[in-house]
Amino acid sequence: ILEEYVRRPANASTLRQYIFYGRQMTSDRLITAANWVRNELLTRLAHRIRDFQQLPFFVGMNPHIEFVYRLYWGAFEKLRKQPAIKTLDDNEDFCKCLEDLLDDGQLVVPKLALGITECARHYSGSQDLDRFMNRMLRSRISRRMLAEQHLALTEAHEHGWDMMGEGADGYVGIIFVRCSASDLVSQATRLVRRHAETIYAKPENSSRTPPAIRVNIHQDTQQGLQQVPEHLEYILFELLSNAVRFTMAAWEKQPENPYPPVQLTVSANETDVYFRVTDQGKGIAPDVYKHLWSYQARAPSGQFHHFHQVQKMPSSISERATQAADLGQTHLGMGLTMSRILAEYWGGELQVMTMEGFGTDAYVRIPRLGTKAENL
């Protein structure tokens, strides 16, 4: 049965397709969509289960890795045994199944991080573990996208919400068709400043506030940017948090000087939106920068060890900010790599350039029109 689904390619979608389908939603279309989501989730899960089966034996038998493997098998079997959706009541049962799977999915990242930490120190040579992790994390985003979008469209249909008329709020499911760069930046900077003031500001330096975040928007994107706001807010929150944290750490021994500000620049053209986060946090050391995107190279040093303190990874940016506050100055070490995967998922990119001794620039490009297919 697994092989049957492994032979099927995943059908990568675009935001435009999600939006079109959502706006044309009827009861019949909702039922058709439910069956498509069920089959697509089975296909994507089957490919990831096969990835687990192709791991070296000692990696696959790691208890944390094995936990996720069994979790995926359980999800596959639960979906496979879910009968074909023929009525709205069937769809309601299917949605309850999706909610359970989404909740279980929050266990995946901490377990994978701990498994890679334990295996990487005994694994040398190729970057197989990096490729495995990137596929797992990217596929996890894609499955959550499918499930959350279907749940949101079902809720809209049940309440009779108008997604096209003048009273529409701009959301088609979880996709916001009138995304504004200034709104996204405002939300992210607010969360980061609150986090910095709570965690990093020391009582003995009560007069020294965290570095300012100066925003320069060359062109807003109120029109034409179609995106999942949670994805962009997550990326901006992680990049700004890093910039503020490293700036404060680099300048904490010079209390007579104010912290240099963090600069956030936004620009856009007809096809893309660009974000640049610039700090003066003294840059990244060459030995660290060399392995910036590698889980396999960073894991032996214990960079992901703090996942022992985390059972689940939150799914919303507000929950992520709360988790960061609860962890205090403990950092999980996965925010930057997760941000790059999110950017690449819809055909964008995230690059980091550093000048050791001065600071770091992070560049993010996000397609604005929703025509790029999922990067699976």
Protein backbone atom coordinates (compact mmCIF):
# COMPACT_ATOMS: atom_id res chain seq x y z
CA ILE A 1 0.00 0.00 0.00
CA LEU A 2 2.83 2.38 0.85
CA GLU A 3 4.56 1.65 -2.45
CA GLU A 4 1.37 2.59 -4.29
CA TYR A 5 1.53 6.09 -2.81
CA VAL A 6 5.32 6.39 -3.12
CA ARG A 7 4.97 5.92 -6.88
CA ARG A 8 2.70 8.94 -7.04
CA PRO A 9 4.35 12.37 -7.36
CA ALA A 10 3.19 15.09 -5.01
CA ASN A 11 1.07 17.70 -6.79
CA ALA A 12 2.69 21.03 -6.00
CA SER A 13 0.15 23.86 -5.84
CA THR A 14 0.43 27.63 -6.04
CA LEU A 15 -1.15 30.21 -3.79
CA ARG A 16 -3.20 31.36 -6.78
CA GLN A 17 -4.73 27.88 -7.05
CA TYR A 18 -5.57 27.83 -3.34
CA ILE A 19 -7.13 31.29 -3.65
CA PHE A 20 -9.14 30.46 -6.77
CA TYR A 21 -10.48 27.24 -5.27
CA GLY A 22 -11.37 28.98 -2.01
CA ARG A 23 -13.25 31.79 -3.69
CA GLN A 24 -15.28 29.36 -5.78
CA MET A 25 -16.17 27.19 -2.77
CA THR A 26 -19.49 25.34 -2.71
CA SER A 27 -20.54 22.25 -0.78
CA ASP A 28 -19.64 20.01 -3.72
CA ARG A 29 -16.28 21.71 -4.20
CA LEU A 30 -15.55 21.43 -0.47
CA ILE A 31 -16.16 17.67 -0.59
CA THR A 32 -14.00 17.35 -3.72
CA ALA A 33 -11.26 19.37 -1.99
CA ALA A 34 -11.44 17.15 1.10
CA ASN A 35 -10.81 14.01 -0.93
CA TRP A 36 -7.97 15.70 -2.80
CA VAL A 37 -6.34 16.84 0.47
CA ARG A 38 -6.69 13.31 1.91
CA ASN A 39 -4.97 11.71 -1.08
CA GLU A 40 -2.30 14.40 -1.29
CA LEU A 41 -1.44 14.07 2.41
CA LEU A 42 -1.17 10.29 1.99
CA THR A 43 1.21 10.74 -0.94
CA ARG A 44 3.41 13.25 0.86
CA LEU A 45 3.50 11.14 4.03
CA ALA A 46 4.39 8.03 2.03
CA HIS A 47 7.42 9.74 0.49
CA ARG A 48 8.65 10.81 3.91
CA ILE A 49 8.13 7.34 5.38
CA ARG A 50 10.28 5.97 2.57
CA ASP A 51 12.96 8.55 3.46
CA PHE A 52 13.00 7.17 7.01
CA GLN A 53 13.34 3.64 5.68
CA GLN A 54 16.40 4.63 3.64
CA LEU A 55 18.29 6.09 6.60
CA PRO A 56 21.38 4.25 7.90
CA PHE A 57 20.30 1.63 10.43
CA PHE A 58 21.73 3.33 13.52
CA VAL A 59 20.05 6.63 12.58
CA GLY A 60 16.67 5.03 11.94
CA MET A 61 16.85 3.19 15.26
CA ASN A 62 17.56 6.33 17.28
CA PRO A 63 14.60 6.59 19.70
CA HIS A 64 13.77 10.17 18.72
CA ILE A 65 13.94 9.44 14.98
CA GLU A 66 11.98 6.22 15.46
CA PHE A 67 9.31 8.15 17.37
CA VAL A 68 8.72 10.44 14.39
CA TYR A 69 8.79 7.46 12.00
CA ARG A 70 6.06 5.75 13.99
CA LEU A 71 4.15 9.03 14.24
CA TYR A 72 4.17 9.31 10.44
CA TRP A 73 3.07 5.69 10.05
CA GLY A 74 0.22 6.37 12.47
CA ALA A 75 -0.83 9.45 10.51
CA PHE A 76 -0.65 7.51 7.23
CA GLU A 77 -2.81 4.68 8.58
CA LYS A 78 -5.31 7.08 10.15
CA LEU A 79 -5.76 8.93 6.85
CA ARG A 80 -5.85 5.73 4.81
CA LYS A 81 -8.64 4.32 6.96
CA GLN A 82 -10.58 7.57 6.74
CA PRO A 83 -13.43 6.76 4.31
CA ALA A 84 -13.98 8.77 1.16
CA ILE A 85 -15.73 12.04 1.93
CA LYS A 86 -19.20 12.12 0.38
CA THR A 87 -21.18 14.50 2.59
CA LEU A 88 -20.58 17.57 4.72
CA ASP A 89 -20.87 15.37 7.81
CA ASP A 90 -18.08 13.20 6.40
CA ASN A 91 -16.03 16.36 5.90
CA GLU A 92 -16.61 17.33 9.52
CA ASP A 93 -15.19 13.97 10.64
CA PHE A 94 -12.26 14.45 8.26
CA CYS A 95 -11.58 17.90 9.74
CA LYS A 96 -11.43 16.42 13.24
CA CYS A 97 -8.87 13.95 11.92
CA LEU A 98 -6.83 16.82 10.44
CA GLU A 99 -6.90 18.72 13.74
CA ASP A 100 -5.54 15.67 15.58
CA LEU A 101 -2.78 15.23 13.01
CA LEU A 102 -1.82 18.91 13.22
CA ASP A 103 -1.56 18.64 17.00
CA ASP A 104 0.63 15.52 16.74
CA GLY A 105 2.75 17.28 14.12
CA GLN A 106 3.94 19.80 16.69
CA LEU A 107 6.01 16.99 18.23
CA VAL A 108 8.04 16.45 15.07
CA VAL A 109 10.66 19.24 15.10
CA PRO A 110 11.88 18.75 18.71
CA LYS A 111 12.19 14.99 18.20
CA LEU A 112 14.03 15.32 14.89
CA ALA A 113 16.41 17.91 16.35
CA LEU A 114 17.26 15.67 19.31
CA GLY A 115 17.66 12.65 17.03
CA ILE A 116 20.05 14.49 14.73
CA THR A 117 21.99 15.75 17.76
CA GLU A 118 22.57 12.21 18.99
CA CYS A 119 23.36 10.74 15.56
CA ALA A 120 25.52 13.47 14.00
CA ARG A 121 28.43 12.96 16.40
CA HIS A 122 28.76 9.38 15.08
CA TYR A 123 28.10 10.24 11.43
CA SER A 124 30.79 11.57 9.14
CA GLY A 125 31.20 12.11 5.42
CA SER A 126 28.30 13.22 3.23
CA GLN A 127 25.56 15.66 4.17
CA ASP A 128 22.82 13.01 4.15
CA LEU A 129 21.39 14.15 7.47
CA ASP A 130 21.11 17.74 6.22
CA ARG A 131 19.22 16.62 3.13
CA PHE A 132 16.98 14.42 5.25
CA MET A 133 16.18 17.24 7.67
CA ASN A 134 15.47 19.76 4.92
CA ARG A 135 13.08 17.35 3.20
CA MET A 136 11.33 16.59 6.47
CA LEU A 137 10.89 20.21 7.49
CA ARG A 138 9.82 21.39 4.03
CA SER A 139 7.32 18.57 3.70
CA ARG A 140 5.98 19.29 7.18
CA ILE A 141 5.23 22.87 6.13
CA SER A 142 3.49 21.65 2.99
CA ARG A 143 1.24 19.22 4.88
CA ARG A 144 0.33 21.82 7.47
CA MET A 145 -0.49 24.21 4.65
CA LEU A 146 -2.89 21.70 3.09
CA ALA A 147 -4.56 20.81 6.38
CA GLU A 148 -4.86 24.35 7.77
CA GLN A 149 -6.17 25.71 4.48
CA HIS A 150 -8.87 23.04 4.28
CA LEU A 151 -9.89 23.63 7.90
CA ALA A 152 -10.11 27.38 7.29
CA LEU A 153 -12.16 26.96 4.09
CA THR A 154 -14.51 24.55 5.87
CA GLU A 155 -15.03 27.05 8.67
CA ALA A 156 -15.72 29.84 6.18
CA HIS A 157 -18.23 27.66 4.32
CA GLU A 158 -20.01 26.64 7.52
CA HIS A 159 -20.43 30.28 8.56
CA GLY A 160 -21.27 31.54 5.11
CA TRP A 161 -18.40 34.03 5.16
CA ASP A 162 -18.07 36.05 1.98
CA MET A 163 -14.50 35.88 0.67
CA MET A 164 -15.13 37.97 -2.44
CA GLY A 165 -17.52 40.82 -1.61
CA GLU A 166 -16.88 44.26 -0.20
CA GLY A 167 -17.21 43.02 3.35
CA ALA A 168 -14.53 40.37 2.91
CA ASP A 169 -11.52 40.66 5.23
CA GLY A 170 -8.99 39.71 2.56
CA TYR A 171 -8.46 36.14 3.74
CA VAL A 172 -9.12 33.13 1.55
CA GLY A 173 -8.59 30.38 4.08
CA ILE A 174 -5.25 31.14 5.73
CA ILE A 175 -3.99 33.12 2.71
CA PHE A 176 -4.18 36.91 2.89
CA VAL A 177 -4.62 38.43 -0.56
CA ARG A 178 -4.01 42.01 0.62
CA CYS A 179 -0.83 41.50 2.62
CA SER A 180 0.88 44.74 3.63
CA ALA A 181 4.60 44.90 4.31
CA SER A 182 4.13 47.67 6.87
CA ASP A 183 1.56 45.61 8.81
CA LEU A 184 3.83 42.56 8.84
CA VAL A 185 6.82 44.62 9.94
CA SER A 186 4.80 46.35 12.65
CA GLN A 187 3.65 43.04 14.13
CA ALA A 188 7.13 41.49 14.04
CA THR A 189 8.93 44.52 15.52
CA ARG A 190 6.36 44.81 18.31
CA LEU A 191 6.87 41.17 19.31
CA VAL A 192 10.66 41.46 19.12
CA ARG A 193 10.84 44.65 21.21
CA ARG A 194 8.57 43.16 23.85
CA HIS A 195 10.72 40.03 23.93
CA ALA A 196 13.98 42.01 24.17
CA GLU A 197 12.71 44.26 26.95
CA THR A 198 11.52 41.24 28.93
CA ILE A 199 14.47 38.90 28.43
CA TYR A 200 17.66 40.80 27.58
CA ALA A 201 17.31 44.10 29.42
CA LYS A 202 19.17 43.67 32.71
CA PRO A 203 17.91 45.38 35.90
CA GLU A 204 21.34 46.89 36.61
CA ASN A 205 21.18 48.60 33.22
CA SER A 206 17.60 49.80 33.53
CA SER A 207 18.45 53.05 31.75
CA ARG A 208 19.83 51.18 28.75
CA THR A 209 17.03 50.07 26.49
CA PRO A 210 17.36 47.43 23.75
CA PRO A 211 18.51 48.69 20.35
CA ALA A 212 15.96 50.57 18.30
CA ILE A 213 14.56 48.90 15.18
CA ARG A 214 14.55 51.49 12.43
CA VAL A 215 12.22 50.64 9.57
CA ASN A 216 12.63 52.05 6.08
CA ILE A 217 9.86 51.03 3.67
CA HIS A 218 10.66 52.08 0.12
CA GLN A 219 7.50 50.58 -1.29
CA ASP A 220 4.60 49.08 0.60
CA THR A 221 2.81 46.05 -0.77
CA GLN A 222 -0.78 46.68 0.20
CA GLN A 223 -1.74 45.64 -3.30
CA GLY A 224 -0.68 42.40 -4.92
CA LEU A 225 1.13 40.53 -2.12
CA GLN A 226 -0.62 37.21 -1.59
CA GLN A 227 0.89 35.21 1.23
CA VAL A 228 0.39 33.32 4.48
CA PRO A 229 1.13 36.10 7.01
CA GLU A 230 2.24 33.64 9.69
CA HIS A 231 5.12 32.52 7.45
CA LEU A 232 6.44 36.03 6.85
CA GLU A 233 5.96 37.12 10.45
CA TYR A 234 7.90 34.07 11.62
CA ILE A 235 10.82 34.91 9.32
CA LEU A 236 10.91 38.57 10.37
CA PHE A 237 10.59 37.70 14.06
CA GLU A 238 13.54 35.29 13.90
CA LEU A 239 15.80 37.63 11.92
CA LEU A 240 15.03 40.68 14.07
CA SER A 241 15.37 38.68 17.30
CA ASN A 242 18.81 37.47 16.23
CA ALA A 243 19.89 40.97 15.22
CA VAL A 244 18.77 42.49 18.53
CA ARG A 245 20.27 39.69 20.63
CA PHE A 246 23.70 39.74 18.99
CA THR A 247 23.84 43.52 18.99
CA MET A 248 23.22 43.61 22.73
CA ALA A 249 25.74 40.82 23.36
CA ALA A 250 28.43 42.58 21.30
CA TRP A 251 27.99 45.98 22.95
CA GLU A 252 27.11 45.03 26.53
CA LYS A 253 30.65 45.80 27.74
CA GLN A 254 30.38 49.38 26.51
CA PRO A 255 27.61 50.71 28.76
CA GLU A 256 28.58 54.30 28.05
CA ASN A 257 27.40 53.91 24.45
CA PRO A 258 23.83 53.30 23.28
CA TYR A 259 23.25 50.17 21.30
CA PRO A 260 23.53 50.79 17.55
CA PRO A 261 20.10 50.40 15.92
CA VAL A 262 18.94 47.43 13.90
CA GLN A 263 17.90 48.47 10.40
CA LEU A 264 14.98 46.86 8.59
CA THR A 265 14.60 47.84 4.93
CA VAL A 266 11.65 46.84 2.74
CA SER A 267 11.48 47.18 -1.02
CA ALA A 268 9.49 45.61 -3.85
CA ASN A 269 9.16 45.31 -7.58
CA GLU A 270 6.44 43.82 -9.75
CA THR A 271 7.31 40.23 -8.88
CA ASP A 272 8.97 40.17 -5.45
CA VAL A 273 9.12 41.77 -2.02
CA TYR A 274 12.51 42.20 -0.35
CA PHE A 275 13.41 42.51 3.33
CA ARG A 276 16.89 43.32 4.63
CA VAL A 277 17.81 43.14 8.33
CA THR A 278 21.11 44.84 9.18
CA ASP A 279 22.83 44.80 12.56
CA GLN A 280 26.15 45.82 14.11
CA GLY A 281 26.49 42.72 16.25
CA LYS A 282 30.16 42.17 15.32
CA GLY A 283 29.38 39.59 12.65
CA ILE A 284 29.66 35.81 12.53
CA ALA A 285 32.94 33.99 13.05
CA PRO A 286 34.19 32.13 9.93
CA ASP A 287 34.04 28.68 11.55
CA VAL A 288 30.40 29.31 12.52
CA TYR A 289 29.45 30.93 9.20
CA LYS A 290 30.86 27.96 7.27
CA HIS A 291 28.29 25.64 8.82
CA LEU A 292 25.45 28.14 9.24
CA TRP A 293 22.90 26.00 7.35
CA SER A 294 24.09 22.56 8.39
CA TYR A 295 22.25 20.64 11.11
CA GLN A 296 24.74 17.81 10.79
CA ALA A 297 27.79 20.01 11.42
CA ARG A 298 26.24 22.07 14.21
CA ALA A 299 24.54 19.28 16.14
CA PRO A 300 27.66 17.71 17.75
CA SER A 301 28.41 21.00 19.52
CA GLY A 302 25.06 20.77 21.29
CA GLN A 303 23.33 23.65 19.49
CA PHE A 304 20.02 21.74 19.46
CA HIS A 305 20.37 20.25 22.94
CA HIS A 306 17.85 22.70 24.42
CA PHE A 307 15.05 20.95 22.54
CA HIS A 308 14.98 18.70 25.62
CA GLN A 309 13.08 21.59 27.23
CA VAL A 310 10.50 21.75 24.44
CA GLN A 311 7.83 19.16 23.79
CA LYS A 312 6.05 20.88 20.91
CA MET A 313 6.85 23.56 18.34
CA PRO A 314 4.06 26.16 18.20
CA SER A 315 2.23 26.75 14.95
CA SER A 316 1.46 30.49 15.28
CA ILE A 317 3.79 33.46 15.62
CA SER A 318 2.14 34.61 18.86
CA GLU A 319 2.73 31.15 20.36
CA ARG A 320 6.30 31.19 19.04
CA ALA A 321 6.92 34.55 20.73
CA THR A 322 5.45 33.21 23.98
CA GLN A 323 7.66 30.14 23.77
CA ALA A 324 10.74 32.34 23.21
CA ALA A 325 9.82 34.39 26.28
CA ASP A 326 9.36 31.26 28.37
CA LEU A 327 12.78 29.96 27.27
CA GLY A 328 14.41 33.27 28.19
CA GLN A 329 18.02 33.35 27.05
CA THR A 330 17.91 29.70 26.02
CA HIS A 331 17.89 29.37 22.24
CA LEU A 332 16.86 26.35 20.19
CA GLY A 333 19.18 27.04 17.25
CA MET A 334 16.65 26.23 14.52
CA GLY A 335 15.05 29.63 13.83
CA LEU A 336 17.33 30.71 10.98
CA THR A 337 17.21 27.41 9.09
CA MET A 338 13.43 27.19 9.53
CA SER A 339 13.12 30.74 8.19
CA ARG A 340 15.09 29.83 5.07
CA ILE A 341 12.90 26.77 4.46
CA LEU A 342 9.77 28.93 4.79
CA ALA A 343 11.17 31.49 2.33
CA GLU A 344 12.13 28.79 -0.18
CA TYR A 345 8.83 26.95 0.17
CA TRP A 346 7.02 29.50 -2.00
CA GLY A 347 9.93 30.14 -4.36
CA GLY A 348 11.72 32.82 -2.32
CA GLU A 349 15.13 32.82 -0.68
CA LEU A 350 17.01 33.86 2.45
CA GLN A 351 20.70 34.78 2.38
CA VAL A 352 23.04 35.90 5.14
CA MET A 353 26.14 38.02 4.55
CA THR A 354 28.48 38.86 7.40
CA MET A 355 31.47 41.11 8.12
CA GLU A 356 33.34 39.72 11.08
CA GLY A 357 34.05 42.47 13.55
CA PHE A 358 31.20 44.67 12.33
CA GLY A 359 27.82 43.06 11.68
CA THR A 360 25.50 40.94 9.59
CA ASP A 361 22.96 41.47 6.81
CA ALA A 362 20.11 39.03 6.18
CA TYR A 363 18.24 39.29 2.88
CA VAL A 364 14.82 37.79 2.23
CA ARG A 365 13.03 37.66 -1.12
CA ILE A 366 9.38 36.62 -1.26
CA PRO A 367 7.35 36.29 -4.50
CA ARG A 368 4.39 38.63 -4.26
CA LEU A 369 1.93 37.25 -6.81
CA GLY A 370 1.41 33.71 -5.56
CA THR A 371 2.28 32.08 -8.89
CA LYS A 372 5.26 30.03 -7.67
CA ALA A 373 4.54 26.37 -6.98
CA GLU A 374 5.35 24.80 -3.64
CA ASN A 375 9.01 23.82 -3.38
CA LEU A 376 8.64 20.17 -2.45
